[in-house]
C-alpha cells in the first residue's frame, strides 16, 4: 500500500485548484458509496483530486486515491486494500478507472457491507452501469454522470468570462435578459464557433493539433479497449465500428437505416442495434428516437449523432458540416438534463415532450414550425433573440 500512497501524493502535488468545475458540488461525496461516470477525458480524475485537496489537505492520512490500472492490483485485491486502509485509520477511499478491475462490483459490494465506517468513491467509464447488475449496487451507490465542458464553462475557464448557470425556463422566457448579460462581456458568436471545435474537453491549452489527437485517442480507446473489455465486442468488429463513425461524421444527420449498416458491417441487425447501444452508453454517439414512450421504437433508434461536436471536428477536421455540428451541440447539451426526441414531422427536436426546436443558421425561418405552440428556432450567428428565434449558443449556458 505504501506504493499507492506515494503515487497518490505525487499526483496530488500536481493538481491545481485554479479551475474547479461547479459540478464538484453535485457529486454525493458524503455517501458511503458514490460513483462518477462519464466519457474518458472529461476530467473525472482531476475532479476527484481537486476534491481531496479542498477537503483533506490537512488530513491526508484519512484518504487514499488509487487507480485500478495500477500494477499494485496484479497481486492485491480491492478488498485487501480496503482492509489495510481501514486498519491504518483510513476514512475515504477513491478508486479511479474501476472498470479496469475484473469483478469490481462484487468486491465493492463486499467492501460496502464489511466496512460501514468507510466512504468509497469510484469512477470510470460510462459503461459501468452495464455491469452494475452483477452485484446489484443500485440500492447502495449514488451515481453521478459527468459531462464535458459547457459553452459557459469554456468561457469561464479559458476566456475569463464569468456567467451564472441559466435554467432552461429562464432561457426560453427571458432570452433578452440572458443575452444582455453575455453581450456586455463579449461577442459570443466567434467564441461559440471556437467552442464547437475545441471547447468540450479540458485540453484547450494544448493547442488545436494536440487537442484533436487526444480526442481521437479517446474515441480509439473506447472502441478498441473498453467495448471489447466491458461489452465483449469481438475484436474483428472494432475496425468496422471505427469505419462506421468516420462515415457518420462525414454525413449530414440522417435517419438510420439499420439494414444498410448491418450490410456494411457484415453483421446482423440485432448485433448492429446492440453495438449502437454500447457506443451510446460509452458516450461516443447519441441516439435519438422519434417516440421514447414506445417500446417498439426504443429497440431501433431513428437518428445518430457523435456525442459532441469536438469529436465531429476531430474526425472530419476542415470537412465537418456546420449544420451537423449545430445539431450535435443541441443534442449533447439538452440531452444532459432533458428528454430529447427526434421530431420527424415538425422541427428537428422535441424537448420534454412539449417544446419543438428547429436548428439552423441566421437566416432560418419558421416555415417548418409555423403555428406550432411552444416552438422555437435556435439560430447560429446571431447575438440577440428575435421573438422565438433564439441564439443557438444560449443552449450552452445550462450548466
Protein backbone atom coordinates (compact mmCIF):
# COMPACT_ATOMS: atom_id res chain seq x y z
CA UNK A 1 0.00 0.00 0.00
CA UNK A 2 2.97 2.32 0.52
CA UNK A 3 3.47 2.42 -3.25
CA UNK A 4 -0.09 3.62 -3.75
CA UNK A 5 0.30 6.28 -1.06
CA UNK A 6 3.45 7.61 -2.72
CA UNK A 7 1.78 7.69 -6.13
CA UNK A 8 -1.26 9.43 -4.67
CA UNK A 9 0.79 12.20 -3.04
CA UNK A 10 2.76 12.72 -6.23
CA UNK A 11 -0.43 13.14 -8.29
CA UNK A 12 -1.96 15.42 -5.67
CA UNK A 13 1.05 17.73 -5.75
CA UNK A 14 0.50 18.41 -9.44
CA UNK A 15 -3.19 19.24 -9.12
CA UNK A 16 -4.20 22.89 -9.38
CA UNK A 17 -7.28 24.48 -7.84
CA UNK A 18 -7.26 27.41 -10.24
CA UNK A 19 -10.02 25.93 -12.43
CA UNK A 20 -12.58 23.91 -10.47
CA UNK A 21 -15.86 22.95 -12.11
CA UNK A 22 -19.08 23.65 -10.22
CA UNK A 23 -20.18 20.06 -10.73
CA UNK A 24 -17.78 19.19 -7.90
CA UNK A 25 -20.69 20.18 -5.63
CA UNK A 26 -23.10 17.78 -7.36
CA UNK A 27 -21.24 14.56 -6.54
CA UNK A 28 -22.51 12.67 -3.47
CA UNK A 29 -19.09 12.62 -1.80
CA UNK A 30 -20.52 12.14 1.71
CA UNK A 31 -22.43 8.98 0.83
CA UNK A 32 -20.95 5.63 1.82
CA UNK A 33 -20.72 4.69 -1.86
CA UNK A 34 -20.75 7.14 -4.75
CA UNK A 35 -19.70 6.87 -8.38
CA UNK A 36 -18.62 9.35 -11.04
CA UNK A 37 -19.07 8.04 -14.54
CA UNK A 38 -18.54 9.74 -17.85
CA UNK A 39 -16.64 9.71 -21.13
CA UNK A 40 -12.91 9.31 -20.98
CA UNK A 41 -11.18 12.67 -20.96
CA UNK A 42 -13.85 14.89 -19.39
CA UNK A 43 -11.86 15.37 -16.17
CA UNK A 44 -13.10 12.78 -13.67
CA UNK A 45 -9.64 12.15 -12.19
CA UNK A 46 -8.91 15.87 -11.89
CA UNK A 47 -12.24 16.46 -10.15
CA UNK A 48 -11.52 13.75 -7.57
CA UNK A 49 -8.03 15.02 -6.78
CA UNK A 50 -9.30 18.60 -6.53
CA UNK A 51 -11.95 17.48 -4.06
CA UNK A 52 -9.28 15.77 -1.96
CA UNK A 53 -7.12 18.90 -1.96
CA UNK A 54 -10.11 21.00 -0.93
CA UNK A 55 -11.31 18.77 1.91
CA UNK A 56 -8.39 16.63 3.09
CA UNK A 57 -5.33 18.85 2.68
CA UNK A 58 -4.64 18.71 6.43
CA UNK A 59 -5.62 15.06 6.95
CA UNK A 60 -4.16 13.08 4.05
CA UNK A 61 -3.73 10.01 6.23
CA UNK A 62 -7.52 9.63 6.22
CA UNK A 63 -7.82 9.50 2.43
CA UNK A 64 -6.34 7.48 -0.42
CA UNK A 65 -6.66 7.77 -4.17
CA UNK A 66 -5.70 4.82 -6.38
CA UNK A 67 -6.31 3.84 -9.97
CA UNK A 68 -7.37 0.30 -10.80
CA UNK A 69 -4.83 0.38 -13.64
CA UNK A 70 -2.03 0.28 -11.06
CA UNK A 71 0.29 -2.73 -11.09
CA UNK A 72 -0.43 -3.00 -7.37
CA UNK A 73 -3.65 -4.81 -8.24
CA UNK A 74 -1.83 -7.51 -10.17
CA UNK A 75 -1.07 -9.10 -6.78
CA UNK A 76 -3.56 -7.44 -4.45
CA UNK A 77 -7.34 -7.15 -4.37
CA UNK A 78 -9.59 -4.19 -3.70
CA UNK A 79 -10.75 -5.91 -0.52
CA UNK A 80 -7.14 -6.31 0.65
CA UNK A 81 -6.54 -2.60 0.07
CA UNK A 82 -9.70 -1.61 1.94
CA UNK A 83 -8.72 -3.80 4.91
CA UNK A 84 -5.24 -2.27 5.18
CA UNK A 85 -6.56 1.24 4.64
CA UNK A 86 -9.23 0.99 7.36
CA UNK A 87 -6.78 -0.67 9.76
CA UNK A 88 -4.47 2.33 9.35
CA UNK A 89 -7.23 4.83 10.09
CA UNK A 90 -8.44 5.46 6.54
CA UNK A 91 -11.87 7.04 6.14
CA UNK A 92 -12.40 7.78 2.43
CA UNK A 93 -11.14 5.59 -0.41
CA UNK A 94 -11.19 6.84 -4.01
CA UNK A 95 -10.85 4.23 -6.76
CA UNK A 96 -10.39 5.53 -10.29
CA UNK A 97 -10.80 3.67 -13.61
CA UNK A 98 -12.64 0.98 -11.65
CA UNK A 99 -13.88 -0.74 -14.81
CA UNK A 100 -10.28 -1.85 -15.42
CA UNK A 101 -10.57 -4.20 -12.43
CA UNK A 102 -12.19 -7.56 -13.08
CA UNK A 103 -15.23 -8.31 -10.91
CA UNK A 104 -15.00 -4.82 -9.42
CA UNK A 105 -18.68 -4.63 -8.49
CA UNK A 106 -18.62 -7.78 -6.35
CA UNK A 107 -15.64 -6.56 -4.34
CA UNK A 108 -17.06 -3.07 -3.97
CA UNK A 109 -20.26 -4.63 -2.58
CA UNK A 110 -18.20 -6.70 -0.14
CA UNK A 111 -16.26 -3.60 0.98
CA UNK A 112 -19.53 -1.71 1.43
CA UNK A 113 -21.02 -4.49 3.58
CA UNK A 114 -17.85 -5.15 5.60
CA UNK A 115 -16.67 -1.62 6.43
CA UNK A 116 -19.68 0.59 7.25
CA UNK A 117 -17.36 3.30 8.58
CA UNK A 118 -15.60 3.69 5.21
CA UNK A 119 -16.67 6.04 2.42
CA UNK A 120 -15.87 4.82 -1.09
CA UNK A 121 -15.98 6.87 -4.27
CA UNK A 122 -15.41 5.09 -7.56
CA UNK A 123 -15.07 6.50 -11.05
CA UNK A 124 -14.84 5.08 -14.53
CA UNK A 125 -16.33 4.61 -17.94
CA UNK A 126 -19.93 5.44 -18.76
CA UNK A 127 -20.24 1.71 -19.41
CA UNK A 128 -20.00 0.95 -15.68
CA UNK A 129 -23.75 0.67 -15.25
CA UNK A 130 -23.84 -2.22 -17.73
CA UNK A 131 -22.06 -4.25 -15.07
CA UNK A 132 -23.96 -2.75 -12.15
CA UNK A 133 -26.47 -5.58 -12.07
CA UNK A 134 -23.68 -8.08 -11.46
CA UNK A 135 -23.62 -7.22 -7.76
CA UNK A 136 -26.77 -5.08 -7.62
CA UNK A 137 -25.19 -1.85 -6.44
CA UNK A 138 -28.24 0.18 -7.42
CA UNK A 139 -29.54 0.31 -3.83
CA UNK A 140 -26.14 1.21 -2.41
CA UNK A 141 -24.48 3.56 -4.88
CA UNK A 142 -25.31 7.17 -5.79
CA UNK A 143 -24.33 7.72 -9.42
CA UNK A 144 -23.23 10.99 -11.00
CA UNK A 145 -22.92 11.35 -14.78
CA UNK A 146 -20.16 13.80 -15.69
CA UNK A 147 -20.39 15.82 -18.87
CA UNK A 148 -17.68 17.68 -20.78
CA UNK A 149 -17.40 21.46 -20.56
CA UNK A 150 -20.42 23.55 -21.45
CA UNK A 151 -20.04 26.72 -23.51
CA UNK A 152 -20.46 28.66 -20.27
CA UNK A 153 -17.60 26.76 -18.62
CA UNK A 154 -15.42 27.21 -21.70
CA UNK A 155 -15.93 30.97 -21.43
CA UNK A 156 -15.19 30.90 -17.70
CA UNK A 157 -12.08 28.73 -17.73
CA UNK A 158 -10.38 29.81 -20.94
CA UNK A 159 -11.68 33.29 -21.72
CA UNK A 160 -12.07 34.73 -18.23
CA UNK A 161 -15.77 35.46 -18.76
CA UNK A 162 -17.87 34.56 -15.72
CA UNK A 163 -21.54 33.84 -16.22
CA UNK A 164 -24.08 32.15 -13.93
CA UNK A 165 -25.90 28.98 -14.87
CA UNK A 166 -29.21 29.77 -16.55
CA UNK A 167 -32.20 27.45 -16.31
CA UNK A 168 -33.94 26.12 -19.39
CA UNK A 169 -37.10 28.04 -18.49
CA UNK A 170 -35.14 31.26 -17.99
CA UNK A 171 -33.58 30.96 -21.43
CA UNK A 172 -36.95 30.43 -23.09
CA UNK A 173 -38.88 33.04 -21.10
CA UNK A 174 -36.25 35.76 -20.67
CA UNK A 175 -33.79 35.41 -23.57
CA UNK A 176 -33.24 39.18 -23.89
CA UNK A 177 -32.10 39.42 -20.28
CA UNK A 178 -29.75 36.45 -20.65
CA UNK A 179 -28.29 37.80 -23.90
CA UNK A 180 -27.78 41.22 -22.35
CA UNK A 181 -25.63 39.73 -19.61
CA UNK A 182 -23.30 37.96 -22.01
CA UNK A 183 -23.25 40.57 -24.79
CA UNK A 184 -21.98 43.22 -22.38
CA UNK A 185 -18.94 41.00 -21.73
CA UNK A 186 -18.09 39.64 -25.20
CA UNK A 187 -19.20 38.88 -28.73
CA UNK A 188 -20.35 35.27 -28.20
CA UNK A 189 -20.65 34.06 -31.81
CA UNK A 190 -16.93 33.66 -32.69
CA UNK A 191 -16.24 32.21 -29.26
CA UNK A 192 -19.09 29.75 -29.74
CA UNK A 193 -17.67 28.58 -33.07
CA UNK A 194 -14.33 28.05 -31.33
CA UNK A 195 -16.10 26.02 -28.63
CA UNK A 196 -17.76 23.80 -31.21
CA UNK A 197 -14.30 22.85 -32.48
CA UNK A 198 -12.07 22.72 -29.40
CA UNK A 199 -14.06 23.56 -26.25
CA UNK A 200 -15.77 20.45 -24.90
CA UNK A 201 -12.78 18.57 -23.46
CA UNK A 202 -10.35 20.21 -20.99
CA UNK A 203 -7.42 20.10 -23.46
CA UNK A 204 -7.82 23.64 -24.83
CA UNK A 205 -4.45 24.97 -23.72
CA UNK A 206 -2.56 22.21 -25.53
CA UNK A 207 -3.22 23.66 -28.99
CA UNK A 208 -5.52 22.53 -31.79
CA UNK A 209 -3.31 19.80 -33.27
CA UNK A 210 -2.64 18.14 -29.93
CA UNK A 211 -6.29 18.65 -28.97
CA UNK A 212 -7.61 16.59 -31.88
CA UNK A 213 -5.00 13.91 -31.28
CA UNK A 214 -6.26 13.49 -27.72
CA UNK A 215 -9.91 13.46 -28.76
CA UNK A 216 -9.06 10.82 -31.37
CA UNK A 217 -7.27 8.81 -28.69
CA UNK A 218 -10.40 8.95 -26.51
CA UNK A 219 -12.51 7.50 -29.33
CA UNK A 220 -9.93 4.83 -30.16
CA UNK A 221 -9.61 3.82 -26.51
CA UNK A 222 -13.35 3.41 -26.03
CA UNK A 223 -13.82 1.37 -29.21
CA UNK A 224 -10.57 -0.57 -29.11
CA UNK A 225 -10.28 -1.23 -25.37
CA UNK A 226 -13.44 -0.53 -23.37
CA UNK A 227 -16.00 -2.10 -25.68
CA UNK A 228 -14.09 -5.39 -26.08
CA UNK A 229 -13.27 -5.50 -22.35
CA UNK A 230 -16.60 -4.43 -20.85
CA UNK A 231 -19.12 -5.38 -23.53
CA UNK A 232 -17.28 -8.31 -25.12
CA UNK A 233 -17.38 -6.73 -28.58
CA UNK A 234 -15.46 -9.03 -30.89
CA UNK A 235 -12.08 -7.70 -32.00
CA UNK A 236 -12.96 -8.27 -35.65
CA UNK A 237 -15.77 -5.69 -35.30
CA UNK A 238 -13.65 -2.96 -33.70
CA UNK A 239 -12.31 -1.77 -37.05
CA UNK A 240 -15.81 -1.86 -38.52
CA UNK A 241 -17.12 0.37 -35.74
CA UNK A 242 -14.28 2.83 -36.36
CA UNK A 243 -15.23 2.88 -40.04
CA UNK A 244 -18.86 3.45 -39.12
CA UNK A 245 -18.01 6.51 -37.01
CA UNK A 246 -15.94 8.04 -39.79
CA UNK A 247 -18.79 7.53 -42.25
CA UNK A 248 -21.35 9.06 -39.91
CA UNK A 249 -19.08 12.02 -39.11
CA UNK A 250 -18.93 12.96 -42.77
CA UNK A 251 -22.68 12.96 -43.30
CA UNK A 252 -25.45 15.40 -42.53
CA UNK A 253 -27.51 13.70 -39.77
CA UNK A 254 -29.81 11.18 -41.35
CA UNK A 255 -32.44 8.67 -40.34
CA UNK A 256 -30.76 5.40 -39.50
CA UNK A 257 -31.07 2.51 -41.91
CA UNK A 258 -30.09 -0.45 -39.73
CA UNK A 259 -30.18 -2.85 -42.68
CA UNK A 260 -27.62 -0.80 -44.63
CA UNK A 261 -25.35 -0.53 -41.61
CA UNK A 262 -25.65 -4.29 -41.00
CA UNK A 263 -24.68 -4.92 -44.62
CA UNK A 264 -21.69 -2.59 -44.33
CA UNK A 265 -20.51 -4.27 -41.11
CA UNK A 266 -21.46 -7.72 -42.35
CA UNK A 267 -23.40 -8.26 -39.15
CA UNK A 268 -26.99 -8.99 -38.19
CA UNK A 269 -29.49 -6.21 -37.47
CA UNK A 270 -29.66 -7.20 -33.80
CA UNK A 271 -25.88 -7.05 -33.50
CA UNK A 272 -25.82 -3.57 -35.06
CA UNK A 273 -28.53 -2.32 -32.68
CA UNK A 274 -26.62 -3.77 -29.71
CA UNK A 275 -23.33 -2.17 -30.82
CA UNK A 276 -25.02 1.20 -31.38
CA UNK A 277 -26.43 0.98 -27.86
CA UNK A 278 -22.94 0.27 -26.49
CA UNK A 279 -21.49 3.23 -28.40
CA UNK A 280 -24.26 5.40 -26.96
CA UNK A 281 -23.72 4.20 -23.39
CA UNK A 282 -19.97 4.79 -23.75
CA UNK A 283 -20.70 8.38 -24.85
CA UNK A 284 -19.21 8.10 -28.32
CA UNK A 285 -22.56 8.68 -30.03
CA UNK A 286 -26.02 9.92 -29.14
CA UNK A 287 -29.05 8.03 -30.39
CA UNK A 288 -32.41 9.69 -30.85
CA UNK A 289 -35.84 8.10 -31.07
CA UNK A 290 -38.98 9.59 -32.54
CA UNK A 291 -41.14 8.17 -29.75
CA UNK A 292 -39.42 7.41 -26.46
CA UNK A 293 -42.63 6.09 -24.94
CA UNK A 294 -42.96 3.28 -27.48
CA UNK A 295 -41.02 0.15 -26.54
CA UNK A 296 -41.04 -0.96 -30.15
CA UNK A 297 -39.44 2.29 -31.24
CA UNK A 298 -36.84 2.21 -28.49
CA UNK A 299 -35.47 -1.02 -29.90
CA UNK A 300 -34.49 0.78 -33.10
CA UNK A 301 -33.02 4.31 -32.97
CA UNK A 302 -34.12 6.80 -35.60
CA UNK A 303 -31.14 9.14 -35.73
CA UNK A 304 -27.48 9.11 -34.69
CA UNK A 305 -25.01 11.87 -33.82
CA UNK A 306 -21.48 11.85 -32.49
CA UNK A 307 -21.60 12.57 -28.76
CA UNK A 308 -20.23 16.12 -29.03
CA UNK A 309 -19.17 18.49 -31.85
CA UNK A 310 -15.47 18.31 -30.93
CA UNK A 311 -15.50 14.62 -31.92
CA UNK A 312 -17.01 15.65 -35.24
CA UNK A 313 -14.19 18.10 -35.96
CA UNK A 314 -11.56 15.64 -34.73
CA UNK A 315 -12.74 13.05 -37.25
CA UNK A 316 -13.51 15.43 -40.14
CA UNK A 317 -11.16 18.36 -39.48
CA UNK A 318 -11.94 21.11 -42.03
CA UNK A 319 -14.60 18.94 -43.71
CA UNK A 320 -17.00 19.00 -40.78
CA UNK A 321 -20.51 20.08 -41.74
CA UNK A 322 -21.59 23.14 -39.72
CA UNK A 323 -25.23 22.02 -39.79
CA UNK A 324 -24.23 18.69 -38.28
CA UNK A 325 -22.10 20.46 -35.66
CA UNK A 326 -25.03 22.65 -34.63
CA UNK A 327 -27.43 19.75 -34.19
CA UNK A 328 -24.78 17.67 -32.41
CA UNK A 329 -24.29 20.53 -29.95
CA UNK A 330 -28.01 20.80 -29.21
CA UNK A 331 -28.40 17.07 -28.63
CA UNK A 332 -25.32 17.00 -26.39
CA UNK A 333 -26.27 19.97 -24.22
CA UNK A 334 -30.01 19.41 -23.93
CA UNK A 335 -29.79 15.63 -23.65
CA UNK A 336 -27.76 16.00 -20.44
CA UNK A 337 -30.71 17.27 -18.39
CA UNK A 338 -33.77 16.92 -20.62
CA UNK A 339 -35.62 14.30 -22.62
CA UNK A 340 -34.91 14.90 -26.27
CA UNK A 341 -36.68 13.19 -29.17
CA UNK A 342 -36.20 13.27 -32.92
CA UNK A 343 -39.10 15.14 -34.49
CA UNK A 344 -39.96 13.52 -37.82
CA UNK A 345 -42.75 15.87 -38.93
CA UNK A 346 -42.22 19.35 -37.48
CA UNK A 347 -38.89 20.82 -36.43
CA UNK A 348 -35.72 18.95 -35.60
CA UNK A 349 -36.22 18.06 -31.94
CA UNK A 350 -38.93 17.76 -29.31
CA UNK A 351 -37.82 18.54 -25.74
CA UNK A 352 -39.54 17.07 -22.67
CA UNK A 353 -42.48 16.08 -24.85
CA UNK A 354 -43.51 19.75 -25.22
CA UNK A 355 -41.07 22.17 -26.86
CA UNK A 356 -40.20 21.96 -30.56
CA UNK A 357 -36.83 23.24 -31.77
CA UNK A 358 -35.65 23.88 -35.31
CA UNK A 359 -31.90 24.38 -35.64
CA UNK A 360 -30.14 26.38 -38.35
CA UNK A 361 -28.22 29.47 -39.41
CA UNK A 362 -29.05 33.15 -39.03
CA UNK A 363 -31.49 33.13 -41.96
CA UNK A 364 -33.50 30.15 -40.71
CA UNK A 365 -37.23 30.88 -40.87
CA UNK A 366 -40.29 29.46 -39.12
CA UNK A 367 -41.65 27.62 -42.15
CA UNK A 368 -41.20 24.14 -40.63
CA UNK A 369 -42.62 25.05 -37.22
CA UNK A 370 -45.20 27.64 -38.22
CA UNK A 371 -48.28 27.77 -35.97
CA UNK A 372 -46.91 25.14 -33.58
CA UNK A 373 -47.26 26.04 -29.89
CA UNK A 374 -44.03 26.17 -27.84
CA UNK A 375 -41.88 26.16 -30.98
CA UNK A 376 -38.54 27.93 -31.31
CA UNK A 377 -35.70 28.39 -33.76
CA UNK A 378 -32.17 28.02 -32.43
CA UNK A 379 -30.17 30.13 -34.87
CA UNK A 380 -26.41 30.32 -35.24
CA UNK A 381 -24.53 33.58 -35.98
CA UNK A 382 -26.89 35.88 -34.07
CA UNK A 383 -26.32 37.72 -30.77
CA UNK A 384 -29.87 38.70 -29.84
CA UNK A 385 -33.26 36.93 -29.92
CA UNK A 386 -35.99 38.00 -32.30
CA UNK A 387 -39.27 36.73 -30.92
CA UNK A 388 -38.99 32.95 -30.67
CA UNK A 389 -35.81 32.92 -32.75
CA UNK A 390 -33.09 32.44 -30.16
CA UNK A 391 -29.28 32.41 -30.42
CA UNK A 392 -28.06 28.84 -30.64
CA UNK A 393 -25.30 29.40 -28.08
CA UNK A 394 -27.88 30.02 -25.33
CA UNK A 395 -28.24 26.24 -25.01
CA UNK A 396 -24.63 26.14 -23.80
CA UNK A 397 -25.40 28.09 -20.62
CA UNK A 398 -27.43 25.39 -18.85
CA UNK A 399 -24.63 24.05 -16.61
